[in-house]
Protein backbone atom coordinates (compact mmCIF):
# COMPACT_ATOMS: atom_id res chain seq x y z
CA MET A 1 8.10 15.58 -55.70
CA ARG A 2 5.67 17.31 -53.41
CA TRP A 3 7.23 20.74 -53.27
CA ILE A 4 8.88 22.63 -56.06
CA TRP A 5 11.08 25.46 -54.77
CA ILE A 6 11.74 27.05 -58.17
CA ASP A 7 9.27 29.36 -59.92
CA ARG A 8 11.00 29.36 -63.29
CA PHE A 9 14.33 29.14 -65.08
CA LEU A 10 15.94 32.30 -66.41
CA ASP A 11 18.85 30.62 -68.17
CA PHE A 12 19.93 27.06 -68.86
CA GLU A 13 23.13 25.98 -70.58
CA SER A 14 23.09 22.21 -70.96
CA GLY A 15 25.89 20.48 -69.08
CA LYS A 16 27.24 23.75 -67.70
CA SER A 17 24.98 26.07 -65.72
CA ALA A 18 21.45 27.06 -64.81
CA ARG A 19 19.78 30.10 -63.30
CA ALA A 20 16.34 29.94 -61.68
CA ILE A 21 14.22 32.19 -59.48
CA LYS A 22 11.98 31.75 -56.48
CA ASN A 23 9.68 34.58 -55.41
CA LEU A 24 9.10 34.42 -51.67
CA SER A 25 5.42 35.12 -51.04
CA LEU A 26 3.88 35.69 -47.63
CA ALA A 27 1.04 33.43 -48.86
CA GLU A 28 3.33 30.36 -48.62
CA ASP A 29 2.41 28.10 -45.70
CA HIS A 30 5.85 27.85 -44.13
CA PHE A 31 5.96 31.61 -43.42
CA ARG A 32 3.01 31.28 -41.02
CA ASP A 33 5.13 29.33 -38.52
CA HIS A 34 8.65 30.41 -39.49
CA PHE A 35 8.45 32.86 -37.74
CA PRO A 36 5.20 34.62 -36.72
CA GLY A 37 5.72 38.35 -37.28
CA TYR A 38 9.13 37.77 -38.92
CA PRO A 39 8.67 35.65 -42.08
CA VAL A 40 12.05 33.99 -42.72
CA MET A 41 12.51 31.39 -45.48
CA PRO A 42 13.86 28.22 -43.80
CA ALA A 43 17.46 27.57 -44.79
CA ALA A 44 16.68 23.93 -45.63
CA LEU A 45 14.09 25.06 -48.20
CA ILE A 46 16.54 27.53 -49.75
CA LEU A 47 19.06 24.70 -50.03
CA GLU A 48 16.36 22.46 -51.54
CA GLY A 49 15.62 25.07 -54.24
CA LEU A 50 19.31 25.28 -55.05
CA ALA A 51 19.51 21.46 -55.14
CA GLN A 52 16.48 21.29 -57.46
CA THR A 53 18.15 23.79 -59.81
CA GLY A 54 21.39 21.77 -59.81
CA GLY A 55 19.61 18.42 -59.98
CA ILE A 56 17.64 19.40 -63.07
CA LEU A 57 20.87 20.65 -64.64
CA VAL A 58 22.58 17.30 -63.93
CA GLY A 59 19.58 15.22 -65.02
CA GLU A 60 19.10 17.05 -68.30
CA VAL A 61 22.61 16.11 -69.49
CA ASN A 62 21.44 12.50 -70.03
CA GLY A 63 17.94 13.37 -71.19
CA PHE A 64 16.50 12.63 -67.73
CA GLN A 65 17.22 8.92 -68.22
CA GLU A 66 19.15 8.64 -64.94
CA LYS A 67 17.60 8.86 -61.51
CA VAL A 68 19.58 11.72 -59.95
CA VAL A 69 19.41 12.07 -56.17
CA LEU A 70 21.02 14.46 -53.72
CA ALA A 71 23.88 12.53 -52.15
CA LYS A 72 25.69 15.04 -49.95
CA VAL A 73 26.05 18.72 -49.13
CA PRO A 74 29.64 19.01 -47.90
CA ARG A 75 29.46 22.79 -47.56
CA ALA A 76 26.66 25.33 -47.19
CA VAL A 77 27.02 28.91 -45.98
CA PHE A 78 24.16 31.33 -45.38
CA HIS A 79 25.23 34.97 -45.26
CA ARG A 80 21.87 36.35 -44.12
CA GLU A 81 18.21 35.49 -43.68
CA MET A 82 15.91 35.64 -46.70
CA LEU A 83 12.49 37.15 -46.11
CA ALA A 84 9.01 37.07 -47.61
CA GLY A 85 8.76 39.57 -50.46
CA GLU A 86 12.28 38.92 -51.76
CA GLN A 87 13.21 37.19 -55.01
CA LEU A 88 15.88 34.51 -54.76
CA VAL A 89 18.10 33.83 -57.76
CA TYR A 90 19.58 30.33 -57.79
CA ASP A 91 22.77 29.84 -59.83
CA ALA A 92 24.13 26.32 -60.30
CA GLU A 93 27.31 25.36 -62.14
CA ILE A 94 28.50 21.81 -62.78
CA LEU A 95 32.00 21.36 -61.34
CA HIS A 96 32.38 17.78 -62.58
CA LEU A 97 30.13 15.18 -64.14
CA ARG A 98 30.91 11.46 -64.02
CA PRO A 99 28.92 8.27 -64.67
CA GLU A 100 28.35 7.82 -60.93
CA GLY A 101 27.20 11.41 -60.32
CA ALA A 102 28.11 15.08 -60.30
CA ALA A 103 29.25 17.97 -58.13
CA VAL A 104 27.56 21.36 -58.43
CA GLN A 105 28.56 24.75 -57.06
CA GLY A 106 25.48 26.76 -56.13
CA ARG A 107 24.91 30.38 -55.19
CA VAL A 108 21.82 32.19 -54.03
CA SER A 109 21.45 35.94 -54.38
CA VAL A 110 18.91 38.63 -53.70
CA GLY A 111 19.48 41.52 -56.09
CA ASN A 112 23.25 41.88 -56.33
CA GLU A 113 23.86 40.46 -52.83
CA LEU A 114 25.22 36.93 -52.38
CA THR A 115 23.04 35.45 -49.61
CA ALA A 116 24.02 31.75 -49.62
CA GLU A 117 26.38 29.31 -51.31
CA ALA A 118 26.78 25.56 -51.28
CA GLU A 119 28.59 22.66 -52.87
CA ILE A 120 26.19 19.81 -53.65
CA PHE A 121 26.95 16.23 -54.72
CA PHE A 122 24.42 14.24 -56.73
CA ALA A 123 24.45 10.49 -57.36
CA HIS A 124 23.11 8.58 -60.34
CA LEU A 125 21.27 5.54 -59.05
CA ASP A 126 22.43 2.28 -60.60
CA GLN A 127 19.91 1.49 -63.37
CA ALA A 128 19.60 -2.23 -62.60
CA ARG A 129 19.37 -1.82 -58.83
CA SER A 130 17.01 1.17 -58.94
CA GLY A 131 14.80 -0.72 -61.40
CA GLN A 132 14.47 -3.55 -58.91
CA LEU A 133 13.67 -1.18 -56.06
CA PHE A 134 11.56 1.47 -57.79
CA GLY A 135 10.54 0.13 -61.20
CA ASP A 136 11.20 1.87 -64.49
CA ARG A 137 9.32 5.07 -63.64
CA ASN A 138 11.64 8.00 -63.04
CA PHE A 139 10.28 9.27 -59.73
CA VAL A 140 12.94 12.00 -59.54
CA PHE A 141 12.23 13.80 -62.79
CA SER A 142 8.48 13.88 -62.91
CA GLY A 143 6.61 15.72 -65.61
CA GLU A 144 6.34 18.67 -63.22
CA MET A 145 10.12 19.15 -63.08
CA LYS A 146 10.49 18.85 -66.85
CA TYR A 147 7.57 21.23 -67.35
CA LEU A 148 9.34 23.79 -65.18
CA LEU A 149 12.41 23.57 -67.39
CA GLY A 150 10.23 23.83 -70.51
CA ARG A 151 8.67 27.09 -69.26
CA MET A 152 11.79 28.96 -70.30
CA THR A 153 11.28 31.60 -72.96
CA GLY A 154 10.63 29.79 -76.22
CA ASP A 155 11.28 26.44 -74.53
CA LYS A 156 14.94 26.69 -75.57
CA ILE A 157 17.93 25.19 -73.82
CA ARG A 158 21.37 26.36 -74.85
CA THR A 159 23.67 23.48 -75.74
CA GLY A 160 27.18 24.66 -76.33
CA GLY A 161 26.05 27.79 -78.15
CA SER A 162 23.17 26.29 -80.11
CA ALA A 163 19.56 26.05 -79.00
CA GLY A 164 17.74 22.80 -78.38
CA THR A 165 14.20 22.11 -77.35
CA ALA A 166 13.22 21.10 -73.84
CA GLU A 167 10.97 18.09 -74.12
CA GLY A 168 8.71 16.96 -71.39
């Protein structure tokens, strides 16, 4: 993945929920053109950060063995613009998880203000078919994504009340 839109995870409960942050810095390239003099984070990039948070949550359930891809965003609502200098908090909660994929409810907030929300569907690519097309390498969950998850305090992931280690 070329762009990672999460700075770090704050909380991660395996199979249930995740919380991550993204600090919006004026030094980021997209603020130069979006918009000059009024640095607004593009809504598509906010949604991508939320999808990355949810996608890592879904992928971790099976030890990152499945190739998890964004399949559909049936609903996304942005309540206001998010600006350089703000810190976005991404919250993702698994609504349902099935062999073919998962649905995640996501929320974005700045401070205590809800700024965006979305429902996101993820698909698990068929192992045999994706192997033929892409080989065995998991191009979705690169070492960079797993490293991001492992940066949590003490490299611990909560699994139903107990702590496990994030490997990557």
